Amino acid sequence: MATAEPRVPTVRQRRLAADLRRLREEKGLSAEQVVGKFPGILNLPKLSRYENARSGAKPEIVEALLDLYGCDEGLRTVLLEIAGQKDQRGWWKGYSDTINPIYTDLISMESQAVEVKAFELGFVPGLLQTPDYAAAIISRLSAVTTGVEAMVDVRIARQRVLTRENPVKLCAVVHEAALAINAGEGVMREQLNRLAKMSRLPNIQIQVMPANTRPNPGLNGAFTLLEFPQRALDIVLTGGTVRSSWVEDPAEVDTYRGGFHEIMAAALNVDDSLDFIIRKRDELT
């Protein structure tokens, strides 16, 4: 008899679970007291699973719990939005053996976002990479030694969000150093050519941060800010190849948002960035 795969909660489901537990505790209610309010509907094991993201609560149950806890309307709207999102992994589900849960969350978040703001110090952002560039980076820097081809396929498939109907808007700032690495014969020229081409799309803005820029928040490291129709759902992914983490606290997300505006101001403007990219490409002929 086959064993069911353990459920891996998404970042959104973990947030919902944490807020349900926090709201209950702030209301001064024990788990037993809450369960007693919903006889025949809720029991202790179920409530525990909901509060620890081991299973998802139906929207109507979440709504009833929020009513009991006296949740404010702003947070209520956000949590009901999360509760209503189906646990779908989309096309990337077939690569579950290749990609880790954080990367799975990133792909899911990108597919739902209205705008992605990305800053990269050492690499071209994944949404803008060519297959050969992605293969060069993944094969040398990934923590895995097998499945590189599948990981490249996933990275390229992610890019559909930029060219679909109602595409995601992408604002990317790339440090000059990322445009100077040797990724293999002809690879970097092809990559720079792709950047130049993509920068002409109306939903894509690419800026280059020159090496002699003044100090700015980008020097703390790469990050990606994903923005949604409801600002309270905005989220930031920090980190790199080995360790990444999500930032969900709205105040902290706003800090990154402000930092990104400073990064944009420190970078070359869009037109000068395109000229810079084309010059770098032509130097490689």
C-alpha atoms as a PDB file:
ATOM      1  CA  MET A   1       0.000   0.000   0.000  1.00  0.00           C
ATOM      2  CA  ALA A   2       1.470   3.333  -1.100  1.00  0.00           C
ATOM      3  CA  THR A   3       2.190   5.882   1.599  1.00  0.00           C
ATOM      4  CA  ALA A   4       0.716   9.332   1.008  1.00  0.00           C
ATOM      5  CA  GLU A   5       3.267  12.109   0.572  1.00  0.00           C
ATOM      6  CA  PRO A   6       3.509  14.334   3.655  1.00  0.00           C
ATOM      7  CA  ARG A   7       1.732  17.638   3.169  1.00  0.00           C
ATOM      8  CA  VAL A   8       4.114  20.568   2.812  1.00  0.00           C
ATOM      9  CA  PRO A   9       2.249  23.776   3.692  1.00  0.00           C
ATOM     10  CA  THR A  10       2.788  26.806   1.517  1.00  0.00           C
ATOM     11  CA  VAL A  11       4.070  30.067   2.943  1.00  0.00           C
ATOM     12  CA  ARG A  12       0.528  31.448   2.742  1.00  0.00           C
ATOM     13  CA  GLN A  13      -0.908  28.493   4.686  1.00  0.00           C
ATOM     14  CA  ARG A  14       1.759  28.875   7.349  1.00  0.00           C
ATOM     15  CA  ARG A  15       0.813  32.516   7.765  1.00  0.00           C
ATOM     16  CA  LEU A  16      -2.893  31.673   8.104  1.00  0.00           C
ATOM     17  CA  ALA A  17      -2.130  28.988  10.700  1.00  0.00           C
ATOM     18  CA  ALA A  18       0.100  31.303  12.736  1.00  0.00           C
ATOM     19  CA  ASP A  19      -2.510  34.075  12.711  1.00  0.00           C
ATOM     20  CA  LEU A  20      -5.319  31.733  13.778  1.00  0.00           C
ATOM     21  CA  ARG A  21      -3.273  30.617  16.771  1.00  0.00           C
ATOM     22  CA  ARG A  22      -2.186  34.181  17.646  1.00  0.00           C
ATOM     23  CA  LEU A  23      -5.733  35.561  17.437  1.00  0.00           C
ATOM     24  CA  ARG A  24      -7.059  32.785  19.686  1.00  0.00           C
ATOM     25  CA  GLU A  25      -4.369  33.410  22.283  1.00  0.00           C
ATOM     26  CA  GLU A  26      -4.861  37.188  22.160  1.00  0.00           C
ATOM     27  CA  LYS A  27      -8.573  36.614  22.807  1.00  0.00           C
ATOM     28  CA  GLY A  28      -7.611  34.597  25.893  1.00  0.00           C
ATOM     29  CA  LEU A  29      -9.325  31.452  24.679  1.00  0.00           C
ATOM     30  CA  SER A  30      -8.029  27.930  25.196  1.00  0.00           C
ATOM     31  CA  ALA A  31      -8.274  25.376  22.402  1.00  0.00           C
ATOM     32  CA  GLU A  32     -10.896  23.540  24.467  1.00  0.00           C
ATOM     33  CA  GLN A  33     -13.023  26.670  24.780  1.00  0.00           C
ATOM     34  CA  VAL A  34     -12.907  27.279  21.022  1.00  0.00           C
ATOM     35  CA  VAL A  35     -13.841  23.699  20.204  1.00  0.00           C
ATOM     36  CA  GLY A  36     -16.746  23.959  22.643  1.00  0.00           C
ATOM     37  CA  LYS A  37     -18.204  26.785  20.529  1.00  0.00           C
ATOM     38  CA  PHE A  38     -18.458  24.507  17.488  1.00  0.00           C
ATOM     39  CA  PRO A  39     -19.836  21.117  18.588  1.00  0.00           C
ATOM     40  CA  GLY A  40     -19.909  18.552  15.793  1.00  0.00           C
ATOM     41  CA  ILE A  41     -17.868  20.831  13.534  1.00  0.00           C
ATOM     42  CA  LEU A  42     -14.548  21.255  15.284  1.00  0.00           C
ATOM     43  CA  ASN A  43     -12.512  19.100  17.660  1.00  0.00           C
ATOM     44  CA  LEU A  44      -9.099  19.477  19.302  1.00  0.00           C
ATOM     45  CA  PRO A  45      -7.119  17.470  16.707  1.00  0.00           C
ATOM     46  CA  LYS A  46      -8.665  19.492  13.862  1.00  0.00           C
ATOM     47  CA  LEU A  47      -7.978  22.829  15.526  1.00  0.00           C
ATOM     48  CA  SER A  48      -4.413  21.766  16.230  1.00  0.00           C
ATOM     49  CA  ARG A  49      -3.907  20.832  12.579  1.00  0.00           C
ATOM     50  CA  TYR A  50      -5.327  24.182  11.443  1.00  0.00           C
ATOM     51  CA  GLU A  51      -3.074  26.132  13.826  1.00  0.00           C
ATOM     52  CA  ASN A  52       0.028  24.191  12.810  1.00  0.00           C
ATOM     53  CA  ALA A  53      -0.645  24.199   9.037  1.00  0.00           C
ATOM     54  CA  ARG A  54      -0.875  20.414   8.932  1.00  0.00           C
ATOM     55  CA  SER A  55      -4.209  20.717   7.125  1.00  0.00           C
ATOM     56  CA  GLY A  56      -6.142  23.566   5.602  1.00  0.00           C
ATOM     57  CA  ALA A  57      -9.379  24.869   7.113  1.00  0.00           C
ATOM     58  CA  LYS A  58     -12.349  25.532   4.857  1.00  0.00           C
ATOM     59  CA  PRO A  59     -13.113  29.243   4.328  1.00  0.00           C
ATOM     60  CA  GLU A  60     -16.375  29.001   6.251  1.00  0.00           C
ATOM     61  CA  ILE A  61     -14.572  27.572   9.296  1.00  0.00           C
ATOM     62  CA  VAL A  62     -11.903  30.273   9.097  1.00  0.00           C
ATOM     63  CA  GLU A  63     -14.644  32.906   8.872  1.00  0.00           C
ATOM     64  CA  ALA A  64     -16.401  31.499  11.945  1.00  0.00           C
ATOM     65  CA  LEU A  65     -13.143  31.477  13.915  1.00  0.00           C
ATOM     66  CA  LEU A  66     -12.362  35.059  12.908  1.00  0.00           C
ATOM     67  CA  ASP A  67     -15.845  36.115  14.032  1.00  0.00           C
ATOM     68  CA  LEU A  68     -15.241  34.449  17.395  1.00  0.00           C
ATOM     69  CA  TYR A  69     -11.850  36.126  17.779  1.00  0.00           C
ATOM     70  CA  GLY A  70     -13.138  39.573  16.791  1.00  0.00           C
ATOM     71  CA  CYS A  71     -10.586  39.934  14.015  1.00  0.00           C
ATOM     72  CA  ASP A  72     -10.344  43.416  12.468  1.00  0.00           C
ATOM     73  CA  GLU A  73     -11.663  43.835   8.925  1.00  0.00           C
ATOM     74  CA  GLY A  74      -8.291  44.436   7.271  1.00  0.00           C
ATOM     75  CA  LEU A  75      -6.680  41.238   8.525  1.00  0.00           C
ATOM     76  CA  ARG A  76      -9.962  39.360   8.122  1.00  0.00           C
ATOM     77  CA  THR A  77     -10.012  40.154   4.391  1.00  0.00           C
ATOM     78  CA  VAL A  78      -6.432  38.957   3.975  1.00  0.00           C
ATOM     79  CA  LEU A  79      -6.910  35.701   5.899  1.00  0.00           C
ATOM     80  CA  LEU A  80     -10.134  34.837   4.078  1.00  0.00           C
ATOM     81  CA  GLU A  81      -8.340  35.459   0.797  1.00  0.00           C
ATOM     82  CA  ILE A  82      -5.661  32.972   1.827  1.00  0.00           C
ATOM     83  CA  ALA A  83      -8.236  30.451   3.043  1.00  0.00           C
ATOM     84  CA  GLY A  84     -10.004  30.634  -0.304  1.00  0.00           C
ATOM     85  CA  GLN A  85      -6.881  29.855  -2.300  1.00  0.00           C
ATOM     86  CA  LYS A  86      -6.873  26.249  -3.417  1.00  0.00           C
ATOM     87  CA  ASP A  87      -3.807  24.174  -2.627  1.00  0.00           C
ATOM     88  CA  GLN A  88      -2.723  23.895  -6.248  1.00  0.00           C
ATOM     89  CA  ARG A  89       0.887  23.518  -7.275  1.00  0.00           C
ATOM     90  CA  GLY A  90       0.236  24.021 -10.995  1.00  0.00           C
ATOM     91  CA  TRP A  91       2.603  22.807 -13.710  1.00  0.00           C
ATOM     92  CA  TRP A  92       5.523  22.730 -11.258  1.00  0.00           C
ATOM     93  CA  LYS A  93       3.981  19.895  -9.232  1.00  0.00           C
ATOM     94  CA  GLY A  94       5.617  17.447 -11.639  1.00  0.00           C
ATOM     95  CA  TYR A  95       9.031  18.697 -10.479  1.00  0.00           C
ATOM     96  CA  SER A  96       8.426  18.126  -6.761  1.00  0.00           C
ATOM     97  CA  ASP A  97      11.410  15.759  -6.580  1.00  0.00           C
ATOM     98  CA  THR A  98      13.689  18.450  -8.029  1.00  0.00           C
ATOM     99  CA  ILE A  99      12.711  21.722  -6.361  1.00  0.00           C
ATOM    100  CA  ASN A 100      12.463  22.520  -2.667  1.00  0.00           C
ATOM    101  CA  PRO A 101       9.384  23.956  -0.904  1.00  0.00           C
ATOM    102  CA  ILE A 102      10.716  27.535  -0.833  1.00  0.00           C
ATOM    103  CA  TYR A 103      11.287  27.480  -4.595  1.00  0.00           C
ATOM    104  CA  THR A 104       7.835  25.953  -5.062  1.00  0.00           C
ATOM    105  CA  ASP A 105       6.366  28.818  -3.029  1.00  0.00           C
ATOM    106  CA  LEU A 106       8.290  31.345  -5.130  1.00  0.00           C
ATOM    107  CA  ILE A 107       6.885  29.946  -8.368  1.00  0.00           C
ATOM    108  CA  SER A 108       3.377  29.945  -6.930  1.00  0.00           C
ATOM    109  CA  MET A 109       3.747  33.505  -5.628  1.00  0.00           C
ATOM    110  CA  GLU A 110       5.103  34.723  -8.983  1.00  0.00           C
ATOM    111  CA  SER A 111       2.098  33.246 -10.769  1.00  0.00           C
ATOM    112  CA  GLN A 112      -0.268  35.204  -8.500  1.00  0.00           C
ATOM    113  CA  ALA A 113       1.655  38.475  -8.160  1.00  0.00           C
ATOM    114  CA  VAL A 114       0.913  41.663 -10.063  1.00  0.00           C
ATOM    115  CA  GLU A 115       4.477  42.959  -9.747  1.00  0.00           C
ATOM    116  CA  VAL A 116       7.876  41.489  -8.930  1.00  0.00           C
ATOM    117  CA  LYS A 117      10.729  43.723  -7.778  1.00  0.00           C
ATOM    118  CA  ALA A 118      14.086  41.926  -7.859  1.00  0.00           C
ATOM    119  CA  PHE A 119      17.583  43.017  -6.930  1.00  0.00           C
ATOM    120  CA  GLU A 120      20.549  40.805  -7.794  1.00  0.00           C
ATOM    121  CA  LEU A 121      24.195  41.371  -6.914  1.00  0.00           C
ATOM    122  CA  GLY A 122      25.881  38.447  -8.644  1.00  0.00           C
ATOM    123  CA  PHE A 123      23.462  36.934 -11.141  1.00  0.00           C
ATOM    124  CA  VAL A 124      20.888  37.809 -13.750  1.00  0.00           C
ATOM    125  CA  PRO A 125      17.419  37.340 -12.184  1.00  0.00           C
ATOM    126  CA  GLY A 126      15.933  33.907 -12.842  1.00  0.00           C
ATOM    127  CA  LEU A 127      12.954  35.382 -14.720  1.00  0.00           C
ATOM    128  CA  LEU A 128      15.367  36.818 -17.296  1.00  0.00           C
ATOM    129  CA  GLN A 129      17.897  33.995 -17.708  1.00  0.00           C
ATOM    130  CA  THR A 130      18.552  32.111 -20.945  1.00  0.00           C
ATOM    131  CA  PRO A 131      18.611  28.291 -20.802  1.00  0.00           C
ATOM    132  CA  ASP A 132      22.398  28.142 -21.287  1.00  0.00           C
ATOM    133  CA  TYR A 133      23.049  30.778 -18.627  1.00  0.00           C
ATOM    134  CA  ALA A 134      20.691  29.021 -16.203  1.00  0.00           C
ATOM    135  CA  ALA A 135      22.439  25.692 -16.852  1.00  0.00           C
ATOM    136  CA  ALA A 136      25.856  27.244 -16.217  1.00  0.00           C
ATOM    137  CA  ILE A 137      24.753  28.798 -12.923  1.00  0.00           C
ATOM    138  CA  ILE A 138      22.767  25.834 -11.640  1.00  0.00           C
ATOM    139  CA  SER A 139      25.400  23.238 -12.540  1.00  0.00           C
ATOM    140  CA  ARG A 140      28.135  25.115 -10.677  1.00  0.00           C
ATOM    141  CA  LEU A 141      26.294  26.570  -7.705  1.00  0.00           C
ATOM    142  CA  SER A 142      23.310  24.341  -6.959  1.00  0.00           C
ATOM    143  CA  ALA A 143      23.375  22.213  -3.839  1.00  0.00           C
ATOM    144  CA  VAL A 144      22.307  19.218  -5.953  1.00  0.00           C
ATOM    145  CA  THR A 145      24.502  17.334  -8.416  1.00  0.00           C
ATOM    146  CA  THR A 146      21.720  15.670 -10.416  1.00  0.00           C
ATOM    147  CA  GLY A 147      18.545  16.954 -12.031  1.00  0.00           C
ATOM    148  CA  VAL A 148      20.204  20.083 -13.431  1.00  0.00           C
ATOM    149  CA  GLU A 149      18.301  19.786 -16.714  1.00  0.00           C
ATOM    150  CA  ALA A 150      14.968  19.574 -14.887  1.00  0.00           C
ATOM    151  CA  MET A 151      15.869  22.591 -12.742  1.00  0.00           C
ATOM    152  CA  VAL A 152      16.702  24.573 -15.888  1.00  0.00           C
ATOM    153  CA  ASP A 153      13.363  23.550 -17.384  1.00  0.00           C
ATOM    154  CA  VAL A 154      11.587  24.848 -14.278  1.00  0.00           C
ATOM    155  CA  ARG A 155      13.465  28.150 -14.343  1.00  0.00           C
ATOM    156  CA  ILE A 156      12.610  28.765 -17.979  1.00  0.00           C
ATOM    157  CA  ALA A 157       8.978  27.719 -17.488  1.00  0.00           C
ATOM    158  CA  ARG A 158       8.686  30.311 -14.688  1.00  0.00           C
ATOM    159  CA  GLN A 159       9.246  33.018 -17.278  1.00  0.00           C
ATOM    160  CA  ARG A 160       5.813  32.466 -18.829  1.00  0.00           C
ATOM    161  CA  VAL A 161       4.395  34.908 -16.284  1.00  0.00           C
ATOM    162  CA  LEU A 162       6.134  37.721 -18.179  1.00  0.00           C
ATOM    163  CA  THR A 163       4.558  36.998 -21.561  1.00  0.00           C
ATOM    164  CA  ARG A 164       1.142  35.553 -20.675  1.00  0.00           C
ATOM    165  CA  GLU A 165      -2.111  37.462 -21.029  1.00  0.00           C
ATOM    166  CA  ASN A 166      -2.140  40.022 -18.188  1.00  0.00           C
ATOM    167  CA  PRO A 167       1.571  39.528 -17.545  1.00  0.00           C
ATOM    168  CA  VAL A 168       3.358  40.164 -14.284  1.00  0.00           C
ATOM    169  CA  LYS A 169       5.231  43.462 -14.156  1.00  0.00           C
ATOM    170  CA  LEU A 170       8.933  43.016 -13.452  1.00  0.00           C
ATOM    171  CA  CYS A 171      11.259  45.693 -12.110  1.00  0.00           C
ATOM    172  CA  ALA A 172      14.777  44.261 -11.950  1.00  0.00           C
ATOM    173  CA  VAL A 173      17.954  45.951 -10.781  1.00  0.00           C
ATOM    174  CA  VAL A 174      21.124  44.032 -11.588  1.00  0.00           C
ATOM    175  CA  HIS A 175      24.576  44.919 -10.309  1.00  0.00           C
ATOM    176  CA  GLU A 176      27.219  45.483 -12.972  1.00  0.00           C
ATOM    177  CA  ALA A 177      29.220  42.556 -11.578  1.00  0.00           C
ATOM    178  CA  ALA A 178      26.451  40.156 -12.606  1.00  0.00           C
ATOM    179  CA  LEU A 179      26.955  41.168 -16.234  1.00  0.00           C
ATOM    180  CA  ALA A 180      30.671  40.444 -16.230  1.00  0.00           C
ATOM    181  CA  ILE A 181      30.917  36.810 -15.148  1.00  0.00           C
ATOM    182  CA  ASN A 182      32.244  34.161 -17.522  1.00  0.00           C
ATOM    183  CA  ALA A 183      29.380  31.700 -17.933  1.00  0.00           C
ATOM    184  CA  GLY A 184      30.927  29.905 -20.900  1.00  0.00           C
ATOM    185  CA  GLU A 185      31.678  30.455 -24.578  1.00  0.00           C
ATOM    186  CA  GLY A 186      29.037  32.732 -26.070  1.00  0.00           C
ATOM    187  CA  VAL A 187      26.711  32.297 -23.085  1.00  0.00           C
ATOM    188  CA  MET A 188      27.056  35.806 -21.691  1.00  0.00           C
ATOM    189  CA  ARG A 189      26.594  37.486 -25.057  1.00  0.00           C
ATOM    190  CA  GLU A 190      23.365  35.570 -25.576  1.00  0.00           C
ATOM    191  CA  GLN A 191      22.275  36.482 -22.055  1.00  0.00           C
ATOM    192  CA  LEU A 192      22.989  40.178 -22.537  1.00  0.00           C
ATOM    193  CA  ASN A 193      21.128  40.079 -25.836  1.00  0.00           C
ATOM    194  CA  ARG A 194      18.120  38.621 -24.049  1.00  0.00           C
ATOM    195  CA  LEU A 195      18.244  41.358 -21.410  1.00  0.00           C
ATOM    196  CA  ALA A 196      18.267  43.999 -24.124  1.00  0.00           C
ATOM    197  CA  LYS A 197      15.314  42.351 -25.855  1.00  0.00           C
ATOM    198  CA  MET A 198      13.267  41.846 -22.681  1.00  0.00           C
ATOM    199  CA  SER A 199      13.853  45.412 -21.507  1.00  0.00           C
ATOM    200  CA  ARG A 200      11.816  46.622 -24.476  1.00  0.00           C
ATOM    201  CA  LEU A 201       8.664  44.859 -23.279  1.00  0.00           C
ATOM    202  CA  PRO A 202       6.160  47.270 -21.687  1.00  0.00           C
ATOM    203  CA  ASN A 203       5.861  45.233 -18.471  1.00  0.00           C
ATOM    204  CA  ILE A 204       9.608  44.891 -17.873  1.00  0.00           C
ATOM    205  CA  GLN A 205      11.971  47.491 -16.450  1.00  0.00           C
ATOM    206  CA  ILE A 206      15.667  46.629 -16.152  1.00  0.00           C
ATOM    207  CA  GLN A 207      18.237  48.860 -14.462  1.00  0.00           C
ATOM    208  CA  VAL A 208      21.950  48.324 -13.990  1.00  0.00           C
ATOM    209  CA  MET A 209      23.677  49.314 -10.774  1.00  0.00           C
ATOM    210  CA  PRO A 210      27.208  50.515 -11.650  1.00  0.00           C
ATOM    211  CA  ALA A 211      30.167  49.314  -9.626  1.00  0.00           C
ATOM    212  CA  ASN A 212      30.965  52.853  -8.481  1.00  0.00           C
ATOM    213  CA  THR A 213      27.512  53.501  -7.047  1.00  0.00           C
ATOM    214  CA  ARG A 214      27.091  55.150  -3.676  1.00  0.00           C
ATOM    215  CA  PRO A 215      26.253  52.968  -0.652  1.00  0.00           C
ATOM    216  CA  ASN A 216      22.657  51.744  -0.716  1.00  0.00           C
ATOM    217  CA  PRO A 217      20.491  48.955   0.804  1.00  0.00           C
ATOM    218  CA  GLY A 218      21.299  46.624  -2.085  1.00  0.00           C
ATOM    219  CA  LEU A 219      24.767  46.054  -0.687  1.00  0.00           C
ATOM    220  CA  ASN A 220      23.099  43.986   2.065  1.00  0.00           C
ATOM    221  CA  GLY A 221      22.274  41.291  -0.480  1.00  0.00           C
ATOM    222  CA  ALA A 222      19.837  40.122  -3.124  1.00  0.00           C
ATOM    223  CA  PHE A 223      16.093  39.933  -2.508  1.00  0.00           C
ATOM    224  CA  THR A 224      12.804  39.665  -4.357  1.00  0.00           C
ATOM    225  CA  LEU A 225       9.655  41.576  -3.392  1.00  0.00           C
ATOM    226  CA  LEU A 226       6.367  40.171  -4.681  1.00  0.00           C
ATOM    227  CA  GLU A 227       3.383  42.517  -4.700  1.00  0.00           C
ATOM    228  CA  PHE A 228      -0.294  41.560  -4.869  1.00  0.00           C
ATOM    229  CA  PRO A 229      -3.600  43.410  -5.279  1.00  0.00           C
ATOM    230  CA  GLN A 230      -3.910  43.432  -1.482  1.00  0.00           C
ATOM    231  CA  ARG A 231      -0.812  45.094  -0.080  1.00  0.00           C
ATOM    232  CA  ALA A 232      -1.028  43.114   3.160  1.00  0.00           C
ATOM    233  CA  LEU A 233      -0.226  39.981   1.140  1.00  0.00           C
ATOM    234  CA  ASP A 234       3.083  41.344  -0.179  1.00  0.00           C
ATOM    235  CA  ILE A 235       6.064  39.160   0.662  1.00  0.00           C
ATOM    236  CA  VAL A 236       9.856  39.184   0.313  1.00  0.00           C
ATOM    237  CA  LEU A 237      12.249  36.341  -0.452  1.00  0.00           C
ATOM    238  CA  THR A 238      15.801  36.856   0.801  1.00  0.00           C
ATOM    239  CA  GLY A 239      18.914  34.744   0.596  1.00  0.00           C
ATOM    240  CA  GLY A 240      20.768  32.793  -2.022  1.00  0.00           C
ATOM    241  CA  THR A 241      21.594  29.359  -3.343  1.00  0.00           C
ATOM    242  CA  VAL A 242      21.993  27.480  -0.060  1.00  0.00           C
ATOM    243  CA  ARG A 243      19.643  29.285   2.326  1.00  0.00           C
ATOM    244  CA  SER A 244      16.616  31.441   1.572  1.00  0.00           C
ATOM    245  CA  SER A 245      13.800  32.700   3.765  1.00  0.00           C
ATOM    246  CA  TRP A 246      10.490  34.510   3.509  1.00  0.00           C
ATOM    247  CA  VAL A 247       9.788  37.873   5.123  1.00  0.00           C
ATOM    248  CA  GLU A 248       6.053  38.268   5.792  1.00  0.00           C
ATOM    249  CA  ASP A 249       5.722  40.908   8.514  1.00  0.00           C
ATOM    250  CA  PRO A 250       4.140  43.962   6.783  1.00  0.00           C
ATOM    251  CA  ALA A 251       6.479  46.427   8.513  1.00  0.00           C
ATOM    252  CA  GLU A 252       9.547  44.458   7.440  1.00  0.00           C
ATOM    253  CA  VAL A 253       8.184  44.090   3.902  1.00  0.00           C
ATOM    254  CA  ASP A 254       7.753  47.876   3.776  1.00  0.00           C
ATOM    255  CA  THR A 255      11.394  48.254   4.816  1.00  0.00           C
ATOM    256  CA  TYR A 256      12.435  46.204   1.796  1.00  0.00           C
ATOM    257  CA  ARG A 257      10.032  48.169  -0.385  1.00  0.00           C
ATOM    258  CA  GLY A 258      11.644  51.424   0.677  1.00  0.00           C
ATOM    259  CA  GLY A 259      15.069  49.883   0.199  1.00  0.00           C
ATOM    260  CA  PHE A 260      14.206  48.882  -3.347  1.00  0.00           C
ATOM    261  CA  HIS A 261      13.236  52.455  -4.201  1.00  0.00           C
ATOM    262  CA  GLU A 262      16.656  53.573  -2.936  1.00  0.00           C
ATOM    263  CA  ILE A 263      18.301  50.869  -5.042  1.00  0.00           C
ATOM    264  CA  MET A 264      16.445  52.052  -8.148  1.00  0.00           C
ATOM    265  CA  ALA A 265      17.540  55.620  -7.471  1.00  0.00           C
ATOM    266  CA  ALA A 266      21.176  54.515  -7.132  1.00  0.00           C
ATOM    267  CA  ALA A 267      21.116  52.557 -10.408  1.00  0.00           C
ATOM    268  CA  LEU A 268      21.372  53.855 -13.966  1.00  0.00           C
ATOM    269  CA  ASN A 269      18.041  54.888 -15.452  1.00  0.00           C
ATOM    270  CA  VAL A 270      16.297  52.521 -17.866  1.00  0.00           C
ATOM    271  CA  ASP A 271      17.674  54.071 -21.076  1.00  0.00           C
ATOM    272  CA  ASP A 272      21.245  54.303 -19.791  1.00  0.00           C
ATOM    273  CA  SER A 273      20.964  50.741 -18.487  1.00  0.00           C
ATOM    274  CA  LEU A 274      19.947  49.478 -21.925  1.00  0.00           C
ATOM    275  CA  ASP A 275      22.915  51.299 -23.468  1.00  0.00           C
ATOM    276  CA  PHE A 276      25.195  49.739 -20.851  1.00  0.00           C
ATOM    277  CA  ILE A 277      23.867  46.240 -21.597  1.00  0.00           C
ATOM    278  CA  ILE A 278      24.274  46.680 -25.344  1.00  0.00           C
ATOM    279  CA  ARG A 279      27.864  47.951 -24.934  1.00  0.00           C
ATOM    280  CA  LYS A 280      28.730  44.964 -22.740  1.00  0.00           C
ATOM    281  CA  ARG A 281      27.178  42.632 -25.309  1.00  0.00           C
ATOM    282  CA  ASP A 282      29.052  44.211 -28.211  1.00  0.00           C
ATOM    283  CA  GLU A 283      32.343  43.971 -26.344  1.00  0.00           C
ATOM    284  CA  LEU A 284      31.934  40.198 -26.432  1.00  0.00           C
ATOM    285  CA  THR A 285      31.745  39.938 -30.240  1.00  0.00           C
END
